[in-house]
């Protein structure tokens, strides 16, 4: 099964830091890669209409509003909030075309 993941956090979705799973807000299973790609594209279009900023790498996309941040006490700074959409392979890795 492929998974289409939606995230919200202070890291762009493709970094997949140690605690990246805590950023998951919605996880949807797809039985085929084509189904996952279609869902991914629909979500990208939805987020593109909502957010002015966007960066995409393969089938992983980050969206943000420069005015939306979260205060980090340990670094004493405001960190950008990113909304992400990505496809995971059945092995749980980021999907990339041609792999």
C-alpha atoms as a PDB file:
ATOM      1  CA  UNK A   1       0.000   0.000   0.000  1.00  0.00           C
ATOM      2  CA  UNK A   2       1.128   3.504  -0.801  1.00  0.00           C
ATOM      3  CA  UNK A   3       0.330   6.257   1.694  1.00  0.00           C
ATOM      4  CA  UNK A   4      -0.412   9.903   1.063  1.00  0.00           C
ATOM      5  CA  UNK A   5       0.561  11.864   4.142  1.00  0.00           C
ATOM      6  CA  UNK A   6      -0.389  15.391   5.174  1.00  0.00           C
ATOM      7  CA  UNK A   7       1.837  17.060   7.749  1.00  0.00           C
ATOM      8  CA  UNK A   8       2.030  20.255   9.772  1.00  0.00           C
ATOM      9  CA  UNK A   9       5.191  21.325  11.554  1.00  0.00           C
ATOM     10  CA  UNK A  10       8.355  23.388  11.590  1.00  0.00           C
ATOM     11  CA  UNK A  11      10.217  21.150   9.111  1.00  0.00           C
ATOM     12  CA  UNK A  12       9.589  20.742   5.408  1.00  0.00           C
ATOM     13  CA  UNK A  13       8.109  17.265   4.894  1.00  0.00           C
ATOM     14  CA  UNK A  14      11.034  15.691   3.003  1.00  0.00           C
ATOM     15  CA  UNK A  15      13.478  16.154   5.888  1.00  0.00           C
ATOM     16  CA  UNK A  16      11.788  13.350   7.855  1.00  0.00           C
ATOM     17  CA  UNK A  17      13.615  14.150  11.081  1.00  0.00           C
ATOM     18  CA  UNK A  18      13.560  11.654  13.936  1.00  0.00           C
ATOM     19  CA  UNK A  19      10.205  12.946  15.189  1.00  0.00           C
ATOM     20  CA  UNK A  20       8.637  13.520  11.749  1.00  0.00           C
ATOM     21  CA  UNK A  21       5.718  11.167  12.423  1.00  0.00           C
ATOM     22  CA  UNK A  22       4.489  13.576  15.118  1.00  0.00           C
ATOM     23  CA  UNK A  23       3.817  16.076  12.292  1.00  0.00           C
ATOM     24  CA  UNK A  24       1.320  13.759  10.548  1.00  0.00           C
ATOM     25  CA  UNK A  25      -2.204  15.175  10.604  1.00  0.00           C
ATOM     26  CA  UNK A  26      -3.810  12.853   8.028  1.00  0.00           C
ATOM     27  CA  UNK A  27      -2.621   9.550   6.553  1.00  0.00           C
ATOM     28  CA  UNK A  28      -4.511   7.953   3.679  1.00  0.00           C
ATOM     29  CA  UNK A  29      -3.783   4.504   2.233  1.00  0.00           C
ATOM     30  CA  UNK A  30      -3.944   3.912  -1.506  1.00  0.00           C
ATOM     31  CA  UNK A  31      -3.948   0.481  -3.121  1.00  0.00           C
ATOM     32  CA  UNK A  32      -2.011   1.605  -6.219  1.00  0.00           C
ATOM     33  CA  UNK A  33       0.647   4.145  -7.079  1.00  0.00           C
ATOM     34  CA  UNK A  34      -1.685   5.786  -9.599  1.00  0.00           C
ATOM     35  CA  UNK A  35      -4.339   6.266  -6.911  1.00  0.00           C
ATOM     36  CA  UNK A  36      -1.711   7.799  -4.604  1.00  0.00           C
ATOM     37  CA  UNK A  37      -0.502  10.159  -7.347  1.00  0.00           C
ATOM     38  CA  UNK A  38      -4.062  11.301  -8.076  1.00  0.00           C
ATOM     39  CA  UNK A  39      -4.767  12.001  -4.404  1.00  0.00           C
ATOM     40  CA  UNK A  40      -1.405  13.754  -4.049  1.00  0.00           C
ATOM     41  CA  UNK A  41      -2.193  16.005  -7.024  1.00  0.00           C
ATOM     42  CA  UNK A  42      -5.647  16.872  -5.648  1.00  0.00           C
ATOM     43  CA  UNK A  43      -4.138  17.826  -2.290  1.00  0.00           C
ATOM     44  CA  UNK A  44      -1.369  19.875  -3.926  1.00  0.00           C
ATOM     45  CA  UNK A  45      -4.000  21.827  -5.864  1.00  0.00           C
ATOM     46  CA  UNK A  46      -6.023  22.422  -2.681  1.00  0.00           C
ATOM     47  CA  UNK A  47      -2.998  23.639  -0.705  1.00  0.00           C
ATOM     48  CA  UNK A  48      -1.739  25.734  -3.657  1.00  0.00           C
ATOM     49  CA  UNK A  49      -5.027  27.637  -3.658  1.00  0.00           C
ATOM     50  CA  UNK A  50      -4.692  28.305   0.083  1.00  0.00           C
ATOM     51  CA  UNK A  51      -0.987  29.156   0.524  1.00  0.00           C
ATOM     52  CA  UNK A  52       1.156  31.651  -1.377  1.00  0.00           C
ATOM     53  CA  UNK A  53       4.454  29.848  -0.844  1.00  0.00           C
ATOM     54  CA  UNK A  54       5.216  26.395  -2.218  1.00  0.00           C
ATOM     55  CA  UNK A  55       8.281  24.200  -2.733  1.00  0.00           C
ATOM     56  CA  UNK A  56       8.145  20.755  -4.324  1.00  0.00           C
ATOM     57  CA  UNK A  57      10.675  17.935  -4.537  1.00  0.00           C
ATOM     58  CA  UNK A  58       9.543  14.871  -6.463  1.00  0.00           C
ATOM     59  CA  UNK A  59       6.290  13.776  -4.795  1.00  0.00           C
ATOM     60  CA  UNK A  60       6.784  15.803  -1.624  1.00  0.00           C
ATOM     61  CA  UNK A  61       5.487  19.355  -1.385  1.00  0.00           C
ATOM     62  CA  UNK A  62       5.657  22.055   1.301  1.00  0.00           C
ATOM     63  CA  UNK A  63       3.313  25.019   1.627  1.00  0.00           C
ATOM     64  CA  UNK A  64       3.486  27.967   3.981  1.00  0.00           C
ATOM     65  CA  UNK A  65       2.365  31.448   4.860  1.00  0.00           C
ATOM     66  CA  UNK A  66       5.263  33.651   5.955  1.00  0.00           C
ATOM     67  CA  UNK A  67       3.097  35.128   8.724  1.00  0.00           C
ATOM     68  CA  UNK A  68       2.377  31.758  10.357  1.00  0.00           C
ATOM     69  CA  UNK A  69       5.044  30.726  12.815  1.00  0.00           C
ATOM     70  CA  UNK A  70       5.462  28.943  16.131  1.00  0.00           C
ATOM     71  CA  UNK A  71       7.586  30.295  18.961  1.00  0.00           C
ATOM     72  CA  UNK A  72      10.481  28.042  19.953  1.00  0.00           C
ATOM     73  CA  UNK A  73      11.452  28.591  23.592  1.00  0.00           C
ATOM     74  CA  UNK A  74      14.782  26.754  23.371  1.00  0.00           C
ATOM     75  CA  UNK A  75      15.952  28.769  20.341  1.00  0.00           C
ATOM     76  CA  UNK A  76      14.099  31.955  21.350  1.00  0.00           C
ATOM     77  CA  UNK A  77      12.819  32.509  17.839  1.00  0.00           C
ATOM     78  CA  UNK A  78       9.718  32.072  15.714  1.00  0.00           C
ATOM     79  CA  UNK A  79       9.897  29.050  13.415  1.00  0.00           C
ATOM     80  CA  UNK A  80       8.024  28.840  10.133  1.00  0.00           C
ATOM     81  CA  UNK A  81       5.051  26.439  10.045  1.00  0.00           C
ATOM     82  CA  UNK A  82       4.980  24.180   6.973  1.00  0.00           C
ATOM     83  CA  UNK A  83       2.108  22.110   5.632  1.00  0.00           C
ATOM     84  CA  UNK A  84       3.269  19.096   3.695  1.00  0.00           C
ATOM     85  CA  UNK A  85       1.919  16.510   1.304  1.00  0.00           C
ATOM     86  CA  UNK A  86       3.977  13.453   0.391  1.00  0.00           C
ATOM     87  CA  UNK A  87       3.742   9.918  -0.915  1.00  0.00           C
ATOM     88  CA  UNK A  88       5.291   7.013   0.970  1.00  0.00           C
ATOM     89  CA  UNK A  89       6.113   3.704  -0.707  1.00  0.00           C
ATOM     90  CA  UNK A  90       4.873   0.393   0.736  1.00  0.00           C
ATOM     91  CA  UNK A  91       8.306   0.213   2.427  1.00  0.00           C
ATOM     92  CA  UNK A  92       7.649   3.533   4.177  1.00  0.00           C
ATOM     93  CA  UNK A  93      10.158   5.573   2.164  1.00  0.00           C
ATOM     94  CA  UNK A  94       9.548   8.805   0.265  1.00  0.00           C
ATOM     95  CA  UNK A  95       8.350   8.015  -3.241  1.00  0.00           C
ATOM     96  CA  UNK A  96      10.435   9.438  -6.067  1.00  0.00           C
ATOM     97  CA  UNK A  97       9.615   8.956  -9.764  1.00  0.00           C
ATOM     98  CA  UNK A  98      11.814   6.307 -11.352  1.00  0.00           C
ATOM     99  CA  UNK A  99      12.836   4.537  -8.149  1.00  0.00           C
END
